[in-house]
Amino acid sequence: MAAIVLRIALVIGACIDLFVAVLALFAQQLLGPLLDIPVKDATLTAIAGGEFAVVGLLYVVILRDIERFRPLLWLVALDQLFAALIPGAAIVRGDLIGTWKTVGPIPVNVILCAIFVWQAARR
């Protein structure tokens, strides 16, 4: 059961990061309407999109052989932790509006982070 939960969590994480990567790299004008993420600098957004693509592919690599790449679960746990903390801090500072598009995913990110930490610590 734990292996199935981990696989589902990895697929969800990969879909999130690869979706944001595609938007940041190829459709920056959709980041605002779809995710309520303002694009202030197109170059910086494209660079961030590349980073999202790399992390998204990391999820796929881990999925191929979970036991071999189990230590990399700490990296994807950090990815989800940052995905929860950074928007939360931006909302508190007033840099980002608190809509369901920005606040809604935070519990999902925390749950994914907990799953990855739980599985990474299992040895």
N, C-alpha and C. Protein backbone atom coordinates (compact mmCIF):
# COMPACT_ATOMS: atom_id res chain seq x y z
N MET A 1 0.82 -1.20 0.00
CA MET A 1 0.00 0.00 0.00
C MET A 1 0.86 1.26 0.00
N ALA A 2 1.95 1.25 0.79
CA ALA A 2 2.83 2.42 0.86
C ALA A 2 3.47 2.70 -0.49
N ALA A 3 3.80 1.65 -1.23
CA ALA A 3 4.43 1.83 -2.54
C ALA A 3 3.46 2.48 -3.52
N ILE A 4 2.19 2.10 -3.44
CA ILE A 4 1.19 2.68 -4.33
C ILE A 4 0.98 4.16 -4.01
N VAL A 5 0.90 4.47 -2.71
CA VAL A 5 0.74 5.86 -2.29
C VAL A 5 1.92 6.69 -2.78
N LEU A 6 3.13 6.16 -2.65
CA LEU A 6 4.33 6.88 -3.10
C LEU A 6 4.29 7.09 -4.61
N ARG A 7 3.93 6.07 -5.35
CA ARG A 7 3.88 6.21 -6.82
C ARG A 7 2.85 7.27 -7.24
N ILE A 8 1.69 7.25 -6.60
CA ILE A 8 0.67 8.25 -6.92
C ILE A 8 1.18 9.65 -6.58
N ALA A 9 1.84 9.79 -5.42
CA ALA A 9 2.38 11.10 -5.02
C ALA A 9 3.45 11.58 -6.01
N LEU A 10 4.29 10.66 -6.48
CA LEU A 10 5.32 11.03 -7.46
C LEU A 10 4.70 11.47 -8.78
N VAL A 11 3.67 10.79 -9.21
CA VAL A 11 2.99 11.17 -10.46
C VAL A 11 2.35 12.56 -10.31
N ILE A 12 1.71 12.80 -9.17
CA ILE A 12 1.09 14.11 -8.93
C ILE A 12 2.17 15.20 -8.93
N GLY A 13 3.27 14.96 -8.23
CA GLY A 13 4.36 15.94 -8.19
C GLY A 13 4.94 16.21 -9.57
N ALA A 14 5.12 15.15 -10.36
CA ALA A 14 5.65 15.32 -11.71
C ALA A 14 4.68 16.13 -12.57
N CYS A 15 3.40 15.83 -12.47
CA CYS A 15 2.41 16.56 -13.27
C CYS A 15 2.39 18.05 -12.90
N ILE A 16 2.44 18.34 -11.61
CA ILE A 16 2.43 19.74 -11.17
C ILE A 16 3.65 20.48 -11.74
N ASP A 17 4.84 19.93 -11.51
CA ASP A 17 6.05 20.63 -11.93
C ASP A 17 6.18 20.73 -13.45
N LEU A 18 5.82 19.66 -14.15
CA LEU A 18 5.94 19.71 -15.61
C LEU A 18 4.90 20.65 -16.23
N PHE A 19 3.71 20.72 -15.64
CA PHE A 19 2.69 21.66 -16.09
C PHE A 19 3.17 23.10 -15.93
N VAL A 20 3.70 23.42 -14.75
CA VAL A 20 4.21 24.78 -14.51
C VAL A 20 5.41 25.06 -15.42
N ALA A 21 6.24 24.06 -15.66
CA ALA A 21 7.39 24.24 -16.55
C ALA A 21 6.96 24.59 -17.97
N VAL A 22 5.98 23.88 -18.47
CA VAL A 22 5.50 24.15 -19.83
C VAL A 22 4.93 25.57 -19.91
N LEU A 23 4.15 25.95 -18.89
CA LEU A 23 3.60 27.31 -18.91
C LEU A 23 4.70 28.36 -18.83
N ALA A 24 5.66 28.16 -17.93
CA ALA A 24 6.73 29.15 -17.74
C ALA A 24 7.65 29.24 -18.95
N LEU A 25 7.84 28.15 -19.66
CA LEU A 25 8.73 28.15 -20.82
C LEU A 25 8.04 28.60 -22.10
N PHE A 26 6.78 28.19 -22.28
CA PHE A 26 6.15 28.39 -23.58
C PHE A 26 4.87 29.23 -23.57
N ALA A 27 4.28 29.46 -22.41
CA ALA A 27 3.01 30.19 -22.37
C ALA A 27 2.94 31.06 -21.12
N GLN A 28 3.91 31.95 -20.99
CA GLN A 28 3.98 32.78 -19.79
C GLN A 28 2.73 33.63 -19.59
N GLN A 29 2.07 34.00 -20.65
CA GLN A 29 0.88 34.82 -20.54
C GLN A 29 -0.26 34.08 -19.85
N LEU A 30 -0.17 32.75 -19.74
CA LEU A 30 -1.21 31.97 -19.08
C LEU A 30 -0.96 31.77 -17.59
N LEU A 31 0.24 32.10 -17.11
CA LEU A 31 0.54 31.93 -15.69
C LEU A 31 -0.37 32.77 -14.81
N GLY A 32 -0.66 33.97 -15.22
CA GLY A 32 -1.54 34.85 -14.46
C GLY A 32 -2.97 34.33 -14.40
N PRO A 33 -3.60 34.11 -15.55
CA PRO A 33 -5.00 33.66 -15.52
C PRO A 33 -5.20 32.26 -14.91
N LEU A 34 -4.27 31.35 -15.16
CA LEU A 34 -4.45 29.98 -14.68
C LEU A 34 -4.01 29.77 -13.23
N LEU A 35 -2.90 30.40 -12.84
CA LEU A 35 -2.32 30.13 -11.52
C LEU A 35 -2.21 31.35 -10.62
N ASP A 36 -2.65 32.50 -11.08
CA ASP A 36 -2.51 33.76 -10.33
C ASP A 36 -1.06 34.07 -9.98
N ILE A 37 -0.16 33.74 -10.88
CA ILE A 37 1.26 34.05 -10.70
C ILE A 37 1.61 35.20 -11.63
N PRO A 38 1.96 36.35 -11.08
CA PRO A 38 2.30 37.49 -11.96
C PRO A 38 3.66 37.28 -12.61
N VAL A 39 3.75 37.63 -13.88
CA VAL A 39 5.01 37.55 -14.60
C VAL A 39 5.57 38.96 -14.71
N LYS A 40 6.61 39.23 -13.93
CA LYS A 40 7.22 40.56 -13.95
C LYS A 40 8.46 40.60 -14.83
N ASP A 41 9.13 39.46 -14.98
CA ASP A 41 10.34 39.37 -15.79
C ASP A 41 10.28 38.07 -16.59
N ALA A 42 10.13 38.20 -17.90
CA ALA A 42 9.97 37.02 -18.76
C ALA A 42 11.19 36.12 -18.74
N THR A 43 12.38 36.70 -18.68
CA THR A 43 13.60 35.90 -18.67
C THR A 43 13.70 35.08 -17.39
N LEU A 44 13.44 35.72 -16.26
CA LEU A 44 13.48 35.02 -14.98
C LEU A 44 12.42 33.92 -14.92
N THR A 45 11.27 34.18 -15.48
CA THR A 45 10.21 33.18 -15.52
C THR A 45 10.63 31.99 -16.37
N ALA A 46 11.30 32.24 -17.49
CA ALA A 46 11.78 31.14 -18.34
C ALA A 46 12.85 30.32 -17.62
N ILE A 47 13.73 30.99 -16.89
CA ILE A 47 14.75 30.27 -16.12
C ILE A 47 14.09 29.39 -15.07
N ALA A 48 13.10 29.94 -14.37
CA ALA A 48 12.36 29.15 -13.37
C ALA A 48 11.65 27.98 -14.04
N GLY A 49 11.14 28.18 -15.24
CA GLY A 49 10.50 27.10 -15.98
C GLY A 49 11.46 25.96 -16.26
N GLY A 50 12.70 26.30 -16.58
CA GLY A 50 13.71 25.27 -16.78
C GLY A 50 13.97 24.49 -15.50
N GLU A 51 14.00 25.19 -14.38
CA GLU A 51 14.19 24.52 -13.09
C GLU A 51 13.02 23.59 -12.78
N PHE A 52 11.80 24.06 -13.07
CA PHE A 52 10.63 23.20 -12.86
C PHE A 52 10.69 21.96 -13.74
N ALA A 53 11.17 22.11 -14.96
CA ALA A 53 11.30 20.96 -15.87
C ALA A 53 12.30 19.94 -15.32
N VAL A 54 13.42 20.42 -14.80
CA VAL A 54 14.43 19.51 -14.24
C VAL A 54 13.85 18.74 -13.06
N VAL A 55 13.17 19.43 -12.16
CA VAL A 55 12.60 18.76 -10.99
C VAL A 55 11.47 17.82 -11.42
N GLY A 56 10.68 18.23 -12.41
CA GLY A 56 9.63 17.36 -12.92
C GLY A 56 10.20 16.06 -13.48
N LEU A 57 11.32 16.18 -14.18
CA LEU A 57 11.98 14.97 -14.70
C LEU A 57 12.59 14.13 -13.58
N LEU A 58 12.99 14.78 -12.48
CA LEU A 58 13.50 14.05 -11.33
C LEU A 58 12.42 13.12 -10.77
N TYR A 59 11.19 13.59 -10.70
CA TYR A 59 10.09 12.74 -10.27
C TYR A 59 9.98 11.50 -11.17
N VAL A 60 10.10 11.70 -12.47
CA VAL A 60 9.99 10.59 -13.43
C VAL A 60 11.14 9.60 -13.22
N VAL A 61 12.34 10.10 -12.99
CA VAL A 61 13.50 9.23 -12.76
C VAL A 61 13.28 8.39 -11.49
N ILE A 62 12.80 9.02 -10.44
CA ILE A 62 12.55 8.28 -9.20
C ILE A 62 11.49 7.21 -9.43
N LEU A 63 10.48 7.51 -10.20
CA LEU A 63 9.42 6.54 -10.49
C LEU A 63 9.95 5.29 -11.18
N ARG A 64 10.98 5.45 -11.98
CA ARG A 64 11.52 4.30 -12.71
C ARG A 64 12.09 3.24 -11.79
N ASP A 65 12.77 3.66 -10.71
CA ASP A 65 13.37 2.70 -9.77
C ASP A 65 13.41 3.35 -8.39
N ILE A 66 12.33 3.20 -7.66
CA ILE A 66 12.19 3.88 -6.38
C ILE A 66 13.26 3.46 -5.39
N GLU A 67 13.55 2.19 -5.31
CA GLU A 67 14.55 1.74 -4.32
C GLU A 67 15.93 2.30 -4.63
N ARG A 68 16.30 2.31 -5.87
CA ARG A 68 17.62 2.82 -6.25
C ARG A 68 17.75 4.32 -5.97
N PHE A 69 16.69 5.05 -6.25
CA PHE A 69 16.73 6.51 -6.14
C PHE A 69 16.03 7.03 -4.88
N ARG A 70 15.82 6.17 -3.88
CA ARG A 70 15.13 6.57 -2.65
C ARG A 70 15.75 7.81 -2.00
N PRO A 71 17.10 7.98 -1.97
CA PRO A 71 17.65 9.20 -1.37
C PRO A 71 17.21 10.50 -2.07
N LEU A 72 16.83 10.41 -3.34
CA LEU A 72 16.37 11.60 -4.06
C LEU A 72 14.98 12.06 -3.62
N LEU A 73 14.31 11.23 -2.84
CA LEU A 73 13.01 11.65 -2.31
C LEU A 73 13.15 12.87 -1.41
N TRP A 74 14.33 13.05 -0.79
CA TRP A 74 14.55 14.25 0.02
C TRP A 74 14.49 15.50 -0.84
N LEU A 75 14.98 15.42 -2.08
CA LEU A 75 14.93 16.59 -2.97
C LEU A 75 13.50 16.95 -3.38
N VAL A 76 12.71 15.93 -3.70
CA VAL A 76 11.33 16.23 -4.09
C VAL A 76 10.51 16.66 -2.88
N ALA A 77 10.89 16.20 -1.68
CA ALA A 77 10.23 16.69 -0.46
C ALA A 77 10.53 18.17 -0.29
N LEU A 78 11.77 18.57 -0.54
CA LEU A 78 12.12 20.00 -0.48
C LEU A 78 11.36 20.80 -1.53
N ASP A 79 11.20 20.23 -2.71
CA ASP A 79 10.44 20.90 -3.77
C ASP A 79 9.03 21.21 -3.28
N GLN A 80 8.39 20.23 -2.67
CA GLN A 80 7.02 20.44 -2.18
C GLN A 80 6.98 21.37 -0.97
N LEU A 81 8.00 21.30 -0.13
CA LEU A 81 8.07 22.21 1.02
C LEU A 81 8.17 23.66 0.54
N PHE A 82 9.06 23.91 -0.42
CA PHE A 82 9.19 25.26 -0.97
C PHE A 82 7.90 25.70 -1.66
N ALA A 83 7.23 24.76 -2.34
CA ALA A 83 5.97 25.08 -3.01
C ALA A 83 4.88 25.48 -2.02
N ALA A 84 5.01 25.05 -0.78
CA ALA A 84 4.05 25.45 0.26
C ALA A 84 4.48 26.73 0.96
N LEU A 85 5.77 26.86 1.27
CA LEU A 85 6.25 27.99 2.06
C LEU A 85 6.37 29.30 1.27
N ILE A 86 6.88 29.23 0.06
CA ILE A 86 7.14 30.45 -0.70
C ILE A 86 5.85 31.21 -1.03
N PRO A 87 4.81 30.55 -1.58
CA PRO A 87 3.57 31.31 -1.81
C PRO A 87 2.94 31.80 -0.50
N GLY A 88 3.02 30.99 0.55
CA GLY A 88 2.48 31.41 1.84
C GLY A 88 3.15 32.67 2.35
N ALA A 89 4.47 32.72 2.26
CA ALA A 89 5.21 33.91 2.69
C ALA A 89 4.88 35.11 1.81
N ALA A 90 4.74 34.89 0.50
CA ALA A 90 4.42 35.99 -0.41
C ALA A 90 3.02 36.55 -0.14
N ILE A 91 2.10 35.69 0.23
CA ILE A 91 0.75 36.15 0.56
C ILE A 91 0.77 36.97 1.85
N VAL A 92 1.52 36.49 2.85
CA VAL A 92 1.62 37.21 4.12
C VAL A 92 2.25 38.60 3.91
N ARG A 93 3.29 38.67 3.05
CA ARG A 93 3.94 39.96 2.77
C ARG A 93 3.08 40.88 1.91
N GLY A 94 2.10 40.32 1.23
CA GLY A 94 1.26 41.12 0.36
C GLY A 94 1.76 41.17 -1.07
N ASP A 95 2.76 40.37 -1.40
CA ASP A 95 3.30 40.34 -2.76
C ASP A 95 2.46 39.48 -3.71
N LEU A 96 1.63 38.63 -3.15
CA LEU A 96 0.81 37.72 -3.95
C LEU A 96 -0.59 37.74 -3.36
N ILE A 97 -1.58 37.74 -4.23
CA ILE A 97 -2.95 37.77 -3.73
C ILE A 97 -3.34 36.37 -3.24
N GLY A 98 -4.09 36.31 -2.17
CA GLY A 98 -4.50 35.03 -1.60
C GLY A 98 -5.81 34.56 -2.20
N THR A 99 -5.75 33.89 -3.34
CA THR A 99 -6.94 33.34 -3.97
C THR A 99 -6.92 31.83 -3.81
N TRP A 100 -7.99 31.20 -4.22
CA TRP A 100 -8.03 29.74 -4.12
C TRP A 100 -6.95 29.10 -5.00
N LYS A 101 -6.52 29.82 -6.05
CA LYS A 101 -5.47 29.28 -6.93
C LYS A 101 -4.10 29.31 -6.25
N THR A 102 -3.88 30.25 -5.34
CA THR A 102 -2.58 30.33 -4.66
C THR A 102 -2.59 29.64 -3.31
N VAL A 103 -3.71 29.70 -2.59
CA VAL A 103 -3.79 29.09 -1.27
C VAL A 103 -4.22 27.62 -1.36
N GLY A 104 -5.06 27.30 -2.30
CA GLY A 104 -5.61 25.95 -2.43
C GLY A 104 -4.58 24.83 -2.54
N PRO A 105 -3.52 24.99 -3.33
CA PRO A 105 -2.54 23.91 -3.46
C PRO A 105 -1.64 23.70 -2.24
N ILE A 106 -1.60 24.64 -1.32
CA ILE A 106 -0.65 24.54 -0.21
C ILE A 106 -0.87 23.27 0.62
N PRO A 107 -2.10 22.91 0.99
CA PRO A 107 -2.26 21.65 1.74
C PRO A 107 -1.82 20.42 0.94
N VAL A 108 -2.05 20.43 -0.37
CA VAL A 108 -1.61 19.32 -1.21
C VAL A 108 -0.09 19.23 -1.19
N ASN A 109 0.59 20.38 -1.28
CA ASN A 109 2.05 20.38 -1.23
C ASN A 109 2.56 19.83 0.10
N VAL A 110 1.91 20.21 1.19
CA VAL A 110 2.32 19.73 2.51
C VAL A 110 2.12 18.22 2.62
N ILE A 111 1.01 17.71 2.11
CA ILE A 111 0.75 16.27 2.14
C ILE A 111 1.79 15.52 1.30
N LEU A 112 2.08 16.02 0.10
CA LEU A 112 3.09 15.38 -0.74
C LEU A 112 4.45 15.40 -0.05
N CYS A 113 4.80 16.52 0.56
CA CYS A 113 6.06 16.63 1.29
C CYS A 113 6.13 15.58 2.39
N ALA A 114 5.05 15.43 3.14
CA ALA A 114 5.02 14.44 4.23
C ALA A 114 5.18 13.02 3.70
N ILE A 115 4.54 12.71 2.59
CA ILE A 115 4.67 11.37 1.99
C ILE A 115 6.11 11.12 1.58
N PHE A 116 6.75 12.11 0.95
CA PHE A 116 8.13 11.92 0.49
C PHE A 116 9.10 11.79 1.65
N VAL A 117 8.90 12.58 2.70
CA VAL A 117 9.78 12.47 3.88
C VAL A 117 9.59 11.11 4.54
N TRP A 118 8.34 10.70 4.68
CA TRP A 118 8.03 9.40 5.29
C TRP A 118 8.71 8.27 4.52
N GLN A 119 8.63 8.32 3.20
CA GLN A 119 9.21 7.25 2.38
C GLN A 119 10.75 7.36 2.30
N ALA A 120 11.27 8.56 2.32
CA ALA A 120 12.73 8.73 2.28
C ALA A 120 13.36 8.23 3.57
N ALA A 121 12.67 8.41 4.68
CA ALA A 121 13.20 7.98 5.98
C ALA A 121 13.08 6.48 6.17
N ARG A 122 12.22 5.85 5.41
CA ARG A 122 12.06 4.38 5.48
C ARG A 122 13.24 3.71 4.80
N ARG A 123 13.93 2.94 5.50
CA ARG A 123 15.04 2.18 4.90
C ARG A 123 15.10 0.84 5.51
